[in-house]
Structures are given as C-alpha cells and as structure tokens.
Amino acid sequence: MRLTTYLGAGLLGLGALLAPLAATSEEHDAAWVERRVQQWQPTAKERRWESIGWASDLRSALRLAKEHQRPVFLFTLDGRMNVGRC
C-alpha cells in the first residue's frame, strides 16, 4: 500500500512538472502545422495553369480562338477525375 502511495504521489508530481511543457508543446505543434500548411501551398509556377483563359461554352471558345488565332483545347469530364477517366 505504501508503494502505491509513493507511485501515485510521484506521478502527480511528474504531471505537475510536465503540465507547462504540454501547453508549450501544443503551441509549438500549432505553429509547426501552420508552417507546413504554408510550405505546401502551390508556388506561382505551379498555379500558372490558372491563368488559362477558360471559356464556359464551346461557341465562346471557338469565337475567342478565331479572334486570337489560337487553338481550342477541349477538356471534358465525366465527374471522376481521380480515377483518370476524363
């Protein structure tokens, strides 16, 4: 019985000592996550495709292509890009 009392007191003391570190660790973890989120954001080079002049319909695309003497790239999708079927 005495041993369990000592163990319990020791664990409580250890918990009291480590409690401030846990709060610091959580703050550190949040900062680390925020940095990782920022690091994973696409670069300007990776977002270059967003500057493509998308047309909402084929008639507009053909008109713009004729005006600017550019080809039309037709992209169709059946709703399941993640399986590689466009």
C-alpha atoms as a PDB file:
ATOM      1  CA  MET A   1       0.000   0.000   0.000  1.00  0.00           C
ATOM      2  CA  ARG A   2       2.832   2.326   0.774  1.00  0.00           C
ATOM      3  CA  LEU A   3       4.440   1.701  -2.599  1.00  0.00           C
ATOM      4  CA  THR A   4       1.266   2.698  -4.462  1.00  0.00           C
ATOM      5  CA  THR A   5       1.061   5.875  -2.407  1.00  0.00           C
ATOM      6  CA  TYR A   6       4.597   6.793  -3.374  1.00  0.00           C
ATOM      7  CA  LEU A   7       3.970   5.939  -7.022  1.00  0.00           C
ATOM      8  CA  GLY A   8       0.771   7.982  -7.071  1.00  0.00           C
ATOM      9  CA  ALA A   9       2.476  10.965  -5.478  1.00  0.00           C
ATOM     10  CA  GLY A  10       5.396  10.643  -7.884  1.00  0.00           C
ATOM     11  CA  LEU A  11       3.095  10.570 -10.900  1.00  0.00           C
ATOM     12  CA  LEU A  12       1.155  13.580  -9.652  1.00  0.00           C
ATOM     13  CA  GLY A  13       4.399  15.459  -9.110  1.00  0.00           C
ATOM     14  CA  LEU A  14       5.648  14.487 -12.559  1.00  0.00           C
ATOM     15  CA  GLY A  15       2.361  15.621 -14.091  1.00  0.00           C
ATOM     16  CA  ALA A  16       2.623  18.970 -12.320  1.00  0.00           C
ATOM     17  CA  LEU A  17       6.153  19.414 -13.644  1.00  0.00           C
ATOM     18  CA  LEU A  18       5.260  18.477 -17.206  1.00  0.00           C
ATOM     19  CA  ALA A  19       1.981  20.458 -17.450  1.00  0.00           C
ATOM     20  CA  PRO A  20       3.664  23.731 -18.525  1.00  0.00           C
ATOM     21  CA  LEU A  21       5.644  21.820 -21.147  1.00  0.00           C
ATOM     22  CA  ALA A  22       2.458  20.325 -22.584  1.00  0.00           C
ATOM     23  CA  ALA A  23       0.987  23.787 -23.212  1.00  0.00           C
ATOM     24  CA  THR A  24       4.228  24.893 -24.862  1.00  0.00           C
ATOM     25  CA  SER A  25       4.242  21.723 -26.934  1.00  0.00           C
ATOM     26  CA  GLU A  26       0.676  22.369 -28.161  1.00  0.00           C
ATOM     27  CA  GLU A  27       1.587  25.909 -29.173  1.00  0.00           C
ATOM     28  CA  HIS A  28       4.686  24.573 -30.885  1.00  0.00           C
ATOM     29  CA  ASP A  29       2.615  21.976 -32.705  1.00  0.00           C
ATOM     30  CA  ALA A  30       0.141  24.591 -33.950  1.00  0.00           C
ATOM     31  CA  ALA A  31       2.993  26.761 -35.227  1.00  0.00           C
ATOM     32  CA  TRP A  32       4.595  23.764 -36.904  1.00  0.00           C
ATOM     33  CA  VAL A  33       1.318  22.834 -38.602  1.00  0.00           C
ATOM     34  CA  GLU A  34       0.841  26.414 -39.801  1.00  0.00           C
ATOM     35  CA  ARG A  35       4.359  26.445 -41.288  1.00  0.00           C
ATOM     36  CA  ARG A  36       3.755  23.123 -43.022  1.00  0.00           C
ATOM     37  CA  VAL A  37       0.464  24.385 -44.479  1.00  0.00           C
ATOM     38  CA  GLN A  38       2.263  27.430 -45.878  1.00  0.00           C
ATOM     39  CA  GLN A  39       5.068  25.253 -47.271  1.00  0.00           C
ATOM     40  CA  TRP A  40       2.566  23.022 -49.091  1.00  0.00           C
ATOM     41  CA  GLN A  41       0.801  25.882 -50.829  1.00  0.00           C
ATOM     42  CA  PRO A  42       1.351  25.813 -54.603  1.00  0.00           C
ATOM     43  CA  THR A  43       4.001  28.136 -55.983  1.00  0.00           C
ATOM     44  CA  ALA A  44       3.297  30.741 -58.653  1.00  0.00           C
ATOM     45  CA  LYS A  45       4.808  28.389 -61.217  1.00  0.00           C
ATOM     46  CA  GLU A  46       2.520  25.565 -60.106  1.00  0.00           C
ATOM     47  CA  ARG A  47      -0.520  27.859 -60.307  1.00  0.00           C
ATOM     48  CA  ARG A  48       0.310  29.019 -63.830  1.00  0.00           C
ATOM     49  CA  TRP A  49      -2.493  26.911 -65.280  1.00  0.00           C
ATOM     50  CA  GLU A  50      -4.959  29.203 -63.531  1.00  0.00           C
ATOM     51  CA  SER A  51      -4.062  31.959 -65.984  1.00  0.00           C
ATOM     52  CA  ILE A  52      -5.535  29.963 -68.873  1.00  0.00           C
ATOM     53  CA  GLY A  53      -8.477  31.780 -70.422  1.00  0.00           C
ATOM     54  CA  TRP A  54     -11.220  29.262 -69.759  1.00  0.00           C
ATOM     55  CA  ALA A  55     -14.409  29.590 -71.765  1.00  0.00           C
ATOM     56  CA  SER A  56     -17.732  28.484 -70.347  1.00  0.00           C
ATOM     57  CA  ASP A  57     -19.029  27.004 -73.596  1.00  0.00           C
ATOM     58  CA  LEU A  58     -17.748  25.762 -76.942  1.00  0.00           C
ATOM     59  CA  ARG A  59     -19.185  28.643 -79.000  1.00  0.00           C
ATOM     60  CA  SER A  60     -17.334  31.228 -76.886  1.00  0.00           C
ATOM     61  CA  ALA A  61     -14.153  29.173 -77.096  1.00  0.00           C
ATOM     62  CA  LEU A  62     -14.347  28.965 -80.885  1.00  0.00           C
ATOM     63  CA  ARG A  63     -15.039  32.703 -81.182  1.00  0.00           C
ATOM     64  CA  LEU A  64     -12.075  33.572 -78.935  1.00  0.00           C
ATOM     65  CA  ALA A  65      -9.828  31.115 -80.760  1.00  0.00           C
ATOM     66  CA  LYS A  66     -10.702  32.705 -84.082  1.00  0.00           C
ATOM     67  CA  GLU A  67     -10.134  36.244 -82.722  1.00  0.00           C
ATOM     68  CA  HIS A  68      -6.727  35.413 -81.271  1.00  0.00           C
ATOM     69  CA  GLN A  69      -5.699  32.826 -83.864  1.00  0.00           C
ATOM     70  CA  ARG A  70      -5.222  30.211 -81.185  1.00  0.00           C
ATOM     71  CA  PRO A  71      -6.283  26.565 -80.981  1.00  0.00           C
ATOM     72  CA  VAL A  72      -9.069  25.299 -78.763  1.00  0.00           C
ATOM     73  CA  PHE A  73      -8.289  22.640 -76.201  1.00  0.00           C
ATOM     74  CA  LEU A  74     -11.454  20.781 -75.335  1.00  0.00           C
ATOM     75  CA  PHE A  75     -11.497  19.190 -71.897  1.00  0.00           C
ATOM     76  CA  THR A  76     -14.421  17.010 -70.943  1.00  0.00           C
ATOM     77  CA  LEU A  77     -15.072  15.310 -67.651  1.00  0.00           C
ATOM     78  CA  ASP A  78     -17.439  12.598 -66.511  1.00  0.00           C
ATOM     79  CA  GLY A  79     -17.144  13.633 -62.851  1.00  0.00           C
ATOM     80  CA  ARG A  80     -14.436  11.167 -61.795  1.00  0.00           C
ATOM     81  CA  MET A  81     -11.054  12.783 -62.429  1.00  0.00           C
ATOM     82  CA  ASN A  82      -9.476  10.901 -59.524  1.00  0.00           C
ATOM     83  CA  VAL A  83      -9.717   7.617 -61.435  1.00  0.00           C
ATOM     84  CA  GLY A  84      -8.071   9.070 -64.527  1.00  0.00           C
ATOM     85  CA  ARG A  85     -11.125   8.990 -66.783  1.00  0.00           C
ATOM     86  CA  CYS A  86     -11.705  12.358 -68.421  1.00  0.00           C
END
